[in-house]
Amino acid sequence: MWRRIAPAWVLVLLAPFVGEFLLGNTTLSAAFAYPVDAAMYGAGAVLVREVTRRAGRGWPTMLALAAAYGLVEEGFGDMSLFNPRFAGLHLLAPGNLDGIGWTWWLFVLTLHVVWSMGASIALTEALYARRGTAPWLGRVGLTVTAAVFVVGVAVIHWTFRGGLPGFPAYELSAGQALLTAVGTVLCIVVAFLFPRVGRRHPAGTGRVPAPWLVTLLAAAAGAVFELANHGLPGGWPIPVDLVLYALAAVLLVGWSRGRGWTARHAFAPAAGALLVYCVVGFAAQPKHGIDLAGQVGFVVLTLALTALAVRKTAVGRVPAPAAPMTPAAG
């Protein structure tokens, strides 16, 4: 049983590691927060991956569900989408329109879609490449995971609602809760508008770049994203973000339809994204002593896992997701 569900447990650990620790927002000295982070990030990532793969769908669905996750965490969980004093940084001021800080919204939701969920799931699937896209959990496991996720979000919500050092207390309004709920539902609906992978456009004959080049381009895009959102004032990061989204979508969709697109290529964008976090983590907040050593350790671990994933990733073409199924309960 352990071998069957091992990938799910690995993802439970990797999602909060990437989303908080590698990013540099949570340091080694604050590792006591890992269990709660795992309940929310980890269970959330497993839900996103399992729902997608059980439905026989691919990465477009995965990323749309990741956006739904981001809305739940940032809207219902820590409420950073609405709290104007979150972390004392006035995050909602840049690009604010009708009370919504669009610069922050796009930035933080992208962090979840690309890194917390996307890169973590891609890394785990690459580490277990032989398992392909088959579901990891049965109905019981999926139900338990969903329950753990709800509890994790609730704990985060009540913690931030009451306030923490540097994070003033905040009460979510009914309108804000409704907006978050509607946005989450819309993301889920959009996720299932994408066709099953078996119904995709037939494999094309276009040239596919080498995996290392895909990784390099992904890292460059991630670097531009981070620099724009930390260096440009007001709403100026928004057009940069939108251009990056469009370029990534056009290039990845086009390349992934080529006959030369392999599982190693599929992991390459995530590898590039992880490399960006390996650098960003040192700038997220000042680190000294054990926390600096911890950050170095996080980077070394990430590079080792990335190298292992590259080795384990099959050279052959990416396997299509299994047909929609309900595996034995477990």
Protein backbone atom coordinates (compact mmCIF):
# COMPACT_ATOMS: atom_id res chain seq x y z
CA MET A 1 0.00 0.00 0.00
CA TRP A 2 2.81 2.41 0.89
CA ARG A 3 4.42 2.02 -2.52
CA ARG A 4 1.11 2.79 -4.20
CA ILE A 5 0.50 6.02 -2.29
CA ALA A 6 4.16 7.05 -1.86
CA PRO A 7 3.99 9.71 -4.61
CA ALA A 8 1.08 11.38 -2.84
CA TRP A 9 3.06 11.61 0.39
CA VAL A 10 6.08 12.99 -1.46
CA LEU A 11 3.88 15.68 -3.00
CA VAL A 12 2.40 16.48 0.42
CA LEU A 13 5.93 17.27 1.57
CA LEU A 14 7.17 18.95 -1.61
CA ALA A 15 4.34 21.46 -2.10
CA PRO A 16 4.89 23.37 1.17
CA PHE A 17 8.64 22.99 0.76
CA VAL A 18 8.55 24.74 -2.62
CA GLY A 19 5.74 27.15 -1.79
CA GLU A 20 7.15 28.42 1.50
CA PHE A 21 10.65 27.23 2.32
CA LEU A 22 12.43 27.29 -1.04
CA LEU A 23 10.71 30.61 -1.77
CA GLY A 24 12.27 31.93 1.43
CA ASN A 25 9.06 33.09 3.10
CA THR A 26 9.41 30.46 5.83
CA THR A 27 12.84 29.77 7.28
CA LEU A 28 14.36 26.73 8.93
CA SER A 29 13.83 28.22 12.40
CA ALA A 30 10.09 28.37 11.62
CA ALA A 31 9.90 24.75 10.50
CA PHE A 32 7.32 24.10 13.23
CA ALA A 33 4.77 25.50 10.75
CA TYR A 34 5.45 22.64 8.32
CA PRO A 35 2.55 20.37 9.44
CA VAL A 36 -0.05 23.10 8.93
CA ASP A 37 1.54 24.11 5.62
CA ALA A 38 1.50 20.46 4.55
CA ALA A 39 -2.19 20.17 5.40
CA MET A 40 -3.03 23.10 3.13
CA TYR A 41 -0.35 23.13 0.42
CA GLY A 42 0.29 19.40 0.37
CA ALA A 43 -3.29 18.18 0.49
CA GLY A 44 -4.26 20.90 -1.97
CA ALA A 45 -1.59 19.84 -4.46
CA VAL A 46 -2.61 16.19 -4.19
CA LEU A 47 -6.24 17.15 -4.81
CA VAL A 48 -5.30 19.21 -7.86
CA ARG A 49 -3.20 16.40 -9.29
CA GLU A 50 -5.59 13.55 -8.51
CA VAL A 51 -8.74 15.27 -9.76
CA THR A 52 -6.95 16.14 -13.00
CA ARG A 53 -5.50 12.69 -13.63
CA ARG A 54 -8.62 10.78 -12.58
CA ALA A 55 -10.55 12.84 -15.14
CA GLY A 56 -8.05 11.92 -17.85
CA ARG A 57 -6.99 15.50 -18.38
CA GLY A 58 -3.67 17.26 -18.68
CA TRP A 59 -1.79 20.38 -17.71
CA PRO A 60 -4.32 23.03 -18.80
CA THR A 61 -6.81 21.51 -16.37
CA MET A 62 -4.08 21.12 -13.74
CA LEU A 63 -3.13 24.80 -13.92
CA ALA A 64 -6.73 26.01 -13.83
CA LEU A 65 -7.34 23.95 -10.69
CA ALA A 66 -4.09 25.35 -9.29
CA ALA A 67 -5.55 28.83 -9.78
CA ALA A 68 -8.63 27.70 -7.85
CA TYR A 69 -6.32 26.53 -5.07
CA GLY A 70 -4.58 29.91 -5.04
CA LEU A 71 -7.90 31.72 -4.65
CA VAL A 72 -8.87 29.48 -1.74
CA GLU A 73 -5.55 29.95 0.07
CA GLU A 74 -5.16 33.67 -0.51
CA GLY A 75 -8.88 34.50 -0.31
CA PHE A 76 -10.20 32.22 2.42
CA GLY A 77 -6.95 31.18 4.09
CA ASP A 78 -4.57 34.01 4.89
CA MET A 79 -6.85 36.59 3.16
CA SER A 80 -3.94 38.42 1.55
CA LEU A 81 -6.15 39.22 -1.46
CA PHE A 82 -8.22 41.55 0.71
CA ASN A 83 -6.22 42.56 3.79
CA PRO A 84 -4.71 45.99 2.94
CA ARG A 85 -2.26 45.68 5.84
CA PHE A 86 -1.16 42.11 5.16
CA ALA A 87 2.44 41.72 6.37
CA GLY A 88 2.47 45.51 6.76
CA LEU A 89 3.44 45.87 3.10
CA HIS A 90 0.36 47.56 1.58
CA LEU A 91 0.30 44.88 -1.10
CA LEU A 92 -3.07 45.94 -2.49
CA ALA A 93 -2.06 49.52 -3.33
CA PRO A 94 -0.23 48.89 -6.64
CA GLY A 95 -2.58 48.43 -9.58
CA ASN A 96 -5.66 48.88 -7.39
CA LEU A 97 -8.96 49.11 -9.25
CA ASP A 98 -12.37 48.89 -7.57
CA GLY A 99 -10.75 47.77 -4.33
CA ILE A 100 -8.76 44.93 -5.90
CA GLY A 101 -4.98 45.09 -6.01
CA TRP A 102 -4.59 43.51 -9.43
CA THR A 103 -0.79 43.58 -9.31
CA TRP A 104 -0.74 41.54 -6.12
CA TRP A 105 -3.56 39.25 -7.25
CA LEU A 106 -1.79 38.26 -10.46
CA PHE A 107 1.56 37.94 -8.73
CA VAL A 108 0.52 35.75 -5.81
CA LEU A 109 -1.84 33.57 -7.85
CA THR A 110 0.94 32.98 -10.37
CA LEU A 111 3.23 31.90 -7.54
CA HIS A 112 0.71 29.19 -6.67
CA VAL A 113 -0.10 28.14 -10.22
CA VAL A 114 3.50 27.92 -11.44
CA TRP A 115 5.44 27.06 -8.30
CA SER A 116 3.45 25.87 -5.27
CA MET A 117 1.24 23.59 -7.36
CA GLY A 118 2.66 23.33 -10.89
CA ALA A 119 6.36 22.81 -10.18
CA SER A 120 5.70 20.61 -7.14
CA ILE A 121 3.35 18.32 -9.06
CA ALA A 122 5.64 18.16 -12.10
CA LEU A 123 8.64 17.32 -9.92
CA THR A 124 6.76 14.55 -8.13
CA GLU A 125 5.43 13.06 -11.35
CA ALA A 126 8.95 13.13 -12.80
CA LEU A 127 10.37 11.40 -9.73
CA TYR A 128 7.77 8.68 -10.25
CA ALA A 129 7.86 8.76 -14.04
CA ARG A 130 7.25 5.03 -14.32
CA ARG A 131 3.84 5.52 -12.72
CA GLY A 132 2.84 7.73 -15.61
CA THR A 133 -0.36 9.70 -15.09
CA ALA A 134 -2.29 6.98 -13.24
CA PRO A 135 -4.13 8.07 -10.08
CA TRP A 136 -2.27 7.57 -6.82
CA LEU A 137 -5.24 7.44 -4.45
CA GLY A 138 -8.58 5.69 -4.25
CA ARG A 139 -11.85 7.27 -3.21
CA VAL A 140 -11.16 6.92 0.50
CA GLY A 141 -7.71 8.46 0.17
CA LEU A 142 -9.09 11.30 -1.92
CA THR A 143 -11.85 11.98 0.61
CA VAL A 144 -9.38 12.04 3.49
CA THR A 145 -7.11 14.37 1.52
CA ALA A 146 -10.00 16.76 0.87
CA ALA A 147 -10.89 16.78 4.57
CA VAL A 148 -7.29 17.50 5.57
CA PHE A 149 -7.17 20.35 3.05
CA VAL A 150 -10.33 21.93 4.46
CA VAL A 151 -8.94 21.68 7.99
CA GLY A 152 -5.63 23.19 6.88
CA VAL A 153 -7.32 26.17 5.23
CA ALA A 154 -9.54 26.64 8.29
CA VAL A 155 -6.55 26.67 10.63
CA ILE A 156 -4.76 29.23 8.46
CA HIS A 157 -7.93 31.35 8.27
CA TRP A 158 -8.49 31.46 12.02
CA THR A 159 -4.81 32.10 12.65
CA PHE A 160 -4.65 35.13 10.34
CA ARG A 161 -8.09 36.29 11.37
CA GLY A 162 -6.82 36.68 14.93
CA GLY A 163 -3.57 38.29 13.82
CA LEU A 164 0.10 37.39 14.05
CA PRO A 165 3.26 39.44 14.66
CA GLY A 166 3.54 41.57 11.52
CA PHE A 167 0.16 40.39 10.25
CA PRO A 168 -2.70 42.52 11.62
CA ALA A 169 -5.99 40.77 12.36
CA TYR A 170 -8.52 40.87 9.53
CA GLU A 171 -12.18 39.92 9.17
CA LEU A 172 -13.32 38.70 5.77
CA SER A 173 -16.54 40.37 4.60
CA ALA A 174 -19.45 38.47 3.07
CA GLY A 175 -18.83 40.16 -0.28
CA GLN A 176 -15.16 39.17 -0.27
CA ALA A 177 -16.04 35.60 0.61
CA LEU A 178 -18.59 35.52 -2.22
CA LEU A 179 -16.07 36.94 -4.70
CA THR A 180 -13.53 34.29 -3.70
CA ALA A 181 -16.11 31.52 -3.98
CA VAL A 182 -17.30 32.67 -7.40
CA GLY A 183 -13.74 32.98 -8.68
CA THR A 184 -12.90 29.51 -7.38
CA VAL A 185 -15.94 27.95 -9.03
CA LEU A 186 -15.17 29.70 -12.32
CA CYS A 187 -11.62 28.32 -12.28
CA ILE A 188 -12.98 24.82 -11.69
CA VAL A 189 -15.50 25.18 -14.50
CA VAL A 190 -12.81 26.43 -16.88
CA ALA A 191 -10.58 23.51 -15.84
CA PHE A 192 -13.09 21.03 -17.19
CA LEU A 193 -13.74 22.91 -20.41
CA PHE A 194 -10.37 21.65 -21.60
CA PRO A 195 -10.66 18.34 -23.48
CA ARG A 196 -9.23 15.08 -22.28
CA VAL A 197 -5.69 14.54 -23.46
CA GLY A 198 -6.73 11.70 -25.77
CA ARG A 199 -8.82 14.21 -27.71
CA ARG A 200 -6.01 16.70 -28.25
CA HIS A 201 -4.79 17.93 -31.59
CA PRO A 202 -2.83 15.15 -33.33
CA ALA A 203 0.92 15.18 -32.81
CA GLY A 204 2.57 17.65 -35.12
CA THR A 205 5.81 17.57 -37.03
CA GLY A 206 7.25 20.86 -35.79
CA ARG A 207 10.70 20.99 -34.23
CA VAL A 208 10.92 20.68 -30.47
CA PRO A 209 13.80 22.39 -28.64
CA ALA A 210 16.10 20.40 -26.40
CA PRO A 211 14.91 19.98 -22.78
CA TRP A 212 17.81 22.08 -21.47
CA LEU A 213 16.71 24.97 -23.69
CA VAL A 214 13.12 24.70 -22.45
CA THR A 215 14.47 24.81 -18.89
CA LEU A 216 16.60 27.86 -19.68
CA LEU A 217 13.69 29.72 -21.30
CA ALA A 218 11.42 28.87 -18.36
CA ALA A 219 14.03 30.15 -15.91
CA ALA A 220 14.41 33.35 -17.94
CA ALA A 221 10.63 33.88 -17.99
CA GLY A 222 10.47 33.29 -14.24
CA ALA A 223 13.29 35.75 -13.66
CA VAL A 224 11.55 38.42 -15.75
CA PHE A 225 8.34 37.79 -13.83
CA GLU A 226 10.05 38.21 -10.47
CA LEU A 227 12.04 41.28 -11.53
CA ALA A 228 8.97 42.97 -13.01
CA ASN A 229 6.83 42.38 -9.94
CA HIS A 230 9.50 43.51 -7.51
CA GLY A 231 10.98 46.30 -9.59
CA LEU A 232 8.18 48.00 -11.53
CA PRO A 233 5.81 50.45 -9.80
CA GLY A 234 2.02 50.47 -9.68
CA GLY A 235 0.24 48.39 -12.26
CA TRP A 236 3.18 48.13 -14.68
CA PRO A 237 3.91 44.49 -13.79
CA ILE A 238 0.46 43.52 -15.08
CA PRO A 239 1.17 43.84 -18.83
CA VAL A 240 4.49 42.07 -18.33
CA ASP A 241 2.68 39.20 -16.60
CA LEU A 242 0.08 38.96 -19.36
CA VAL A 243 2.73 38.88 -22.10
CA LEU A 244 4.60 36.13 -20.24
CA TYR A 245 1.38 34.11 -19.85
CA ALA A 246 0.65 34.41 -23.56
CA LEU A 247 4.18 33.50 -24.65
CA ALA A 248 4.32 30.52 -22.31
CA ALA A 249 0.94 29.24 -23.48
CA VAL A 250 1.73 29.59 -27.19
CA LEU A 251 5.19 28.04 -26.96
CA LEU A 252 4.36 25.17 -24.62
CA VAL A 253 1.16 24.21 -26.40
CA GLY A 254 2.93 24.27 -29.75
CA TRP A 255 5.96 22.33 -28.57
CA SER A 256 3.97 19.74 -26.62
CA ARG A 257 2.12 18.78 -29.80
CA GLY A 258 5.37 17.89 -31.53
CA ARG A 259 6.34 14.23 -31.88
CA GLY A 260 9.68 14.95 -30.26
CA TRP A 261 8.09 16.16 -27.00
CA THR A 262 9.14 13.78 -24.23
CA ALA A 263 8.48 13.42 -20.52
CA ARG A 264 11.82 15.10 -19.98
CA HIS A 265 10.58 18.08 -21.97
CA ALA A 266 7.39 18.12 -19.90
CA PHE A 267 9.43 18.44 -16.71
CA ALA A 268 11.75 21.09 -18.14
CA PRO A 269 9.51 24.16 -17.44
CA ALA A 270 9.16 23.09 -13.82
CA ALA A 271 12.93 22.64 -13.55
CA GLY A 272 13.40 26.20 -14.79
CA ALA A 273 10.85 27.51 -12.32
CA LEU A 274 12.57 25.71 -9.44
CA LEU A 275 15.90 27.27 -10.41
CA VAL A 276 14.32 30.71 -10.11
CA TYR A 277 13.15 29.97 -6.57
CA CYS A 278 16.64 28.73 -5.69
CA VAL A 279 17.80 32.32 -6.23
CA VAL A 280 14.71 34.21 -5.04
CA GLY A 281 14.76 32.40 -1.70
CA PHE A 282 17.85 34.29 -0.59
CA ALA A 283 16.24 37.66 -1.33
CA ALA A 284 12.80 37.02 0.16
CA GLN A 285 13.91 38.18 3.60
CA PRO A 286 17.26 38.68 5.34
CA LYS A 287 18.69 35.38 6.60
CA HIS A 288 21.54 34.76 8.99
CA GLY A 289 23.00 31.86 10.90
CA ILE A 290 20.85 28.75 10.94
CA ASP A 291 18.30 30.26 8.56
CA LEU A 292 20.94 31.08 5.96
CA ALA A 293 22.41 27.60 6.31
CA GLY A 294 18.90 26.20 6.01
CA GLN A 295 18.28 28.11 2.79
CA VAL A 296 21.50 26.74 1.33
CA GLY A 297 20.32 23.27 2.32
CA PHE A 298 16.95 23.85 0.65
CA VAL A 299 18.68 24.79 -2.59
CA VAL A 300 21.01 21.77 -2.48
CA LEU A 301 18.03 19.47 -1.87
CA THR A 302 16.09 21.05 -4.73
CA LEU A 303 18.98 20.70 -7.16
CA ALA A 304 19.47 17.07 -6.12
CA LEU A 305 15.77 16.25 -6.59
CA THR A 306 15.73 18.06 -9.93
CA ALA A 307 18.75 16.09 -11.15
CA LEU A 308 17.15 12.85 -9.97
CA ALA A 309 13.91 13.75 -11.75
CA VAL A 310 15.81 14.38 -14.99
CA ARG A 311 17.42 10.94 -14.70
CA LYS A 312 14.13 9.21 -13.95
CA THR A 313 12.16 10.94 -16.66
CA ALA A 314 11.59 8.66 -19.61
CA VAL A 315 13.09 9.68 -22.91
CA GLY A 316 10.02 8.47 -24.80
CA ARG A 317 6.95 10.53 -25.66
CA VAL A 318 4.78 11.72 -22.78
CA PRO A 319 2.17 9.04 -21.98
CA ALA A 320 -1.43 10.16 -22.31
CA PRO A 321 -3.41 10.25 -19.07
CA ALA A 322 -5.29 7.09 -18.31
CA ALA A 323 -8.97 7.02 -19.16
CA PRO A 324 -11.26 8.43 -16.45
CA MET A 325 -11.43 5.82 -13.74
CA THR A 326 -12.18 5.16 -10.13
CA PRO A 327 -9.38 3.05 -8.65
CA ALA A 328 -9.97 0.78 -5.72
CA ALA A 329 -10.60 2.62 -2.49
CA GLY A 330 -7.48 3.17 -0.45
